[in-house]
Amino acid sequence: MDKKQSRLRRAKRGRAQMRSKEMHRLSVHRTPRHIYAQIIAPGESNVVASASTLDKALRVDIGYGGNVAAAAAVGKAIAERSRQAGVTRVAFDRSGFKYHGRIKALADAARENGLEF
């Protein structure tokens, strides 16, 4: 089993537990250059809010999107956008990625700006 398959297996396990809770989930995906976050509605798979390092509003302030500072900016943006959509409580879906570095920075910034998980 290679690295990607192991990550996807971990992600599948986590999402199965989140499905049983029936709540919005904050799904995070990262690549070496960018990080993406989405708030997904339970059951429907509709995206309620999203933010990434590719957003024009964030891109000006961030510069390079593959660092902890960029992840924190995306976390702040997703928290603000989810509050505007009326979502304050979510389950954190790290998509099988380890909880450190950019993933942790995004989660901490989202918590500081009003998201509960």
Protein backbone atom coordinates (compact mmCIF):
# COMPACT_ATOMS: atom_id res chain seq x y z
CA MET A 1 0.00 0.00 0.00
CA ASP A 2 1.47 3.32 -1.00
CA LYS A 3 1.26 6.65 0.80
CA LYS A 4 -1.81 7.93 -1.05
CA GLN A 5 -3.82 4.75 -0.55
CA SER A 6 -3.04 4.80 3.17
CA ARG A 7 -4.21 8.40 3.44
CA LEU A 8 -7.43 7.67 1.56
CA ARG A 9 -8.11 4.67 3.81
CA ARG A 10 -7.70 6.87 6.90
CA ALA A 11 -9.99 9.49 5.33
CA LYS A 12 -12.66 6.90 4.58
CA ARG A 13 -12.67 5.70 8.19
CA GLY A 14 -13.03 9.23 9.54
CA ARG A 15 -15.81 10.17 7.14
CA ALA A 16 -17.80 7.07 8.08
CA GLN A 17 -17.84 8.26 11.69
CA MET A 18 -18.82 11.79 10.64
CA ARG A 19 -21.74 10.50 8.57
CA SER A 20 -23.25 8.93 11.68
CA LYS A 21 -23.10 12.28 13.54
CA GLU A 22 -25.17 14.07 10.86
CA MET A 23 -23.48 17.45 11.12
CA HIS A 24 -21.70 19.85 8.76
CA ARG A 25 -18.07 18.93 8.11
CA LEU A 26 -15.04 21.07 7.46
CA SER A 27 -13.17 19.17 4.77
CA VAL A 28 -9.52 20.09 4.19
CA HIS A 29 -7.28 19.13 1.27
CA ARG A 30 -3.67 20.14 0.81
CA THR A 31 -1.16 20.00 -2.00
CA PRO A 32 2.45 21.16 -1.86
CA ARG A 33 1.49 24.61 -3.19
CA HIS A 34 -2.07 25.19 -1.95
CA ILE A 35 -4.62 24.34 0.74
CA TYR A 36 -8.38 24.11 0.29
CA ALA A 37 -11.25 24.06 2.83
CA GLN A 38 -14.97 23.43 2.37
CA ILE A 39 -17.97 23.30 4.68
CA ILE A 40 -20.17 20.45 3.42
CA ALA A 41 -23.81 19.97 4.45
CA PRO A 42 -24.72 16.61 6.02
CA GLY A 43 -26.32 14.03 3.75
CA GLU A 44 -26.74 16.34 0.78
CA SER A 45 -23.07 16.84 -0.13
CA ASN A 46 -23.77 20.50 -0.87
CA VAL A 47 -20.92 22.94 -0.33
CA VAL A 48 -22.08 25.67 2.05
CA ALA A 49 -18.84 27.69 2.11
CA SER A 50 -15.34 27.34 0.72
CA ALA A 51 -11.95 29.03 0.89
CA SER A 52 -8.54 28.29 -0.56
CA THR A 53 -5.20 29.87 -1.30
CA LEU A 54 -6.43 30.32 -4.88
CA ASP A 55 -9.15 32.82 -3.88
CA LYS A 56 -8.44 36.21 -5.41
CA ALA A 57 -9.17 38.00 -2.14
CA LEU A 58 -6.68 35.86 -0.22
CA ARG A 59 -4.06 35.48 -2.93
CA VAL A 60 -3.05 39.16 -2.70
CA ASP A 61 -2.30 38.95 1.03
CA ILE A 62 -0.82 35.44 1.10
CA GLY A 63 1.68 35.31 -1.72
CA TYR A 64 2.94 31.71 -1.60
CA GLY A 65 0.15 29.30 -0.65
CA GLY A 66 2.15 26.35 0.64
CA ASN A 67 3.07 27.56 4.12
CA VAL A 68 1.56 27.76 7.62
CA ALA A 69 0.71 31.47 7.31
CA ALA A 70 -1.36 30.80 4.19
CA ALA A 71 -3.17 27.93 5.93
CA ALA A 72 -4.02 30.20 8.86
CA ALA A 73 -5.44 32.81 6.47
CA VAL A 74 -7.62 30.16 4.82
CA GLY A 75 -8.80 28.99 8.26
CA LYS A 76 -9.82 32.52 9.16
CA ALA A 77 -11.63 32.98 5.83
CA ILE A 78 -13.55 29.70 6.05
CA ALA A 79 -14.69 30.54 9.60
CA GLU A 80 -15.99 33.95 8.50
CA ARG A 81 -17.76 32.53 5.44
CA SER A 82 -19.36 29.71 7.40
CA ARG A 83 -20.69 32.15 10.01
CA GLN A 84 -22.24 34.18 7.19
CA ALA A 85 -23.92 30.98 5.97
CA GLY A 86 -25.23 30.28 9.47
CA VAL A 87 -22.95 27.36 10.37
CA THR A 88 -21.02 27.53 13.65
CA ARG A 89 -20.58 23.85 14.61
CA VAL A 90 -18.74 21.40 12.32
CA ALA A 91 -16.87 18.11 12.34
CA PHE A 92 -13.23 18.42 11.23
CA ASP A 93 -12.43 16.20 8.23
CA ARG A 94 -8.67 16.27 7.76
CA SER A 95 -8.94 13.89 4.74
CA GLY A 96 -6.43 11.46 6.20
CA PHE A 97 -3.65 14.03 6.51
CA LYS A 98 -1.68 14.12 9.75
CA TYR A 99 -2.81 16.77 12.22
CA HIS A 100 0.26 19.00 12.25
CA GLY A 101 1.76 21.83 10.27
CA ARG A 102 -0.63 23.43 7.79
CA ILE A 103 -3.63 21.28 8.76
CA LYS A 104 -3.23 22.24 12.41
CA ALA A 105 -2.72 25.93 11.54
CA LEU A 106 -5.93 25.97 9.51
CA ALA A 107 -7.89 24.26 12.32
CA ASP A 108 -6.53 26.59 15.01
CA ALA A 109 -7.33 29.70 12.95
CA ALA A 110 -10.87 28.44 12.27
CA ARG A 111 -11.42 27.81 16.00
CA GLU A 112 -10.09 31.25 16.94
CA ASN A 113 -12.52 32.88 14.51
CA GLY A 114 -15.68 31.21 15.75
CA LEU A 115 -15.99 27.67 14.39
CA GLU A 116 -16.62 24.95 16.98
CA PHE A 117 -15.28 21.40 16.52
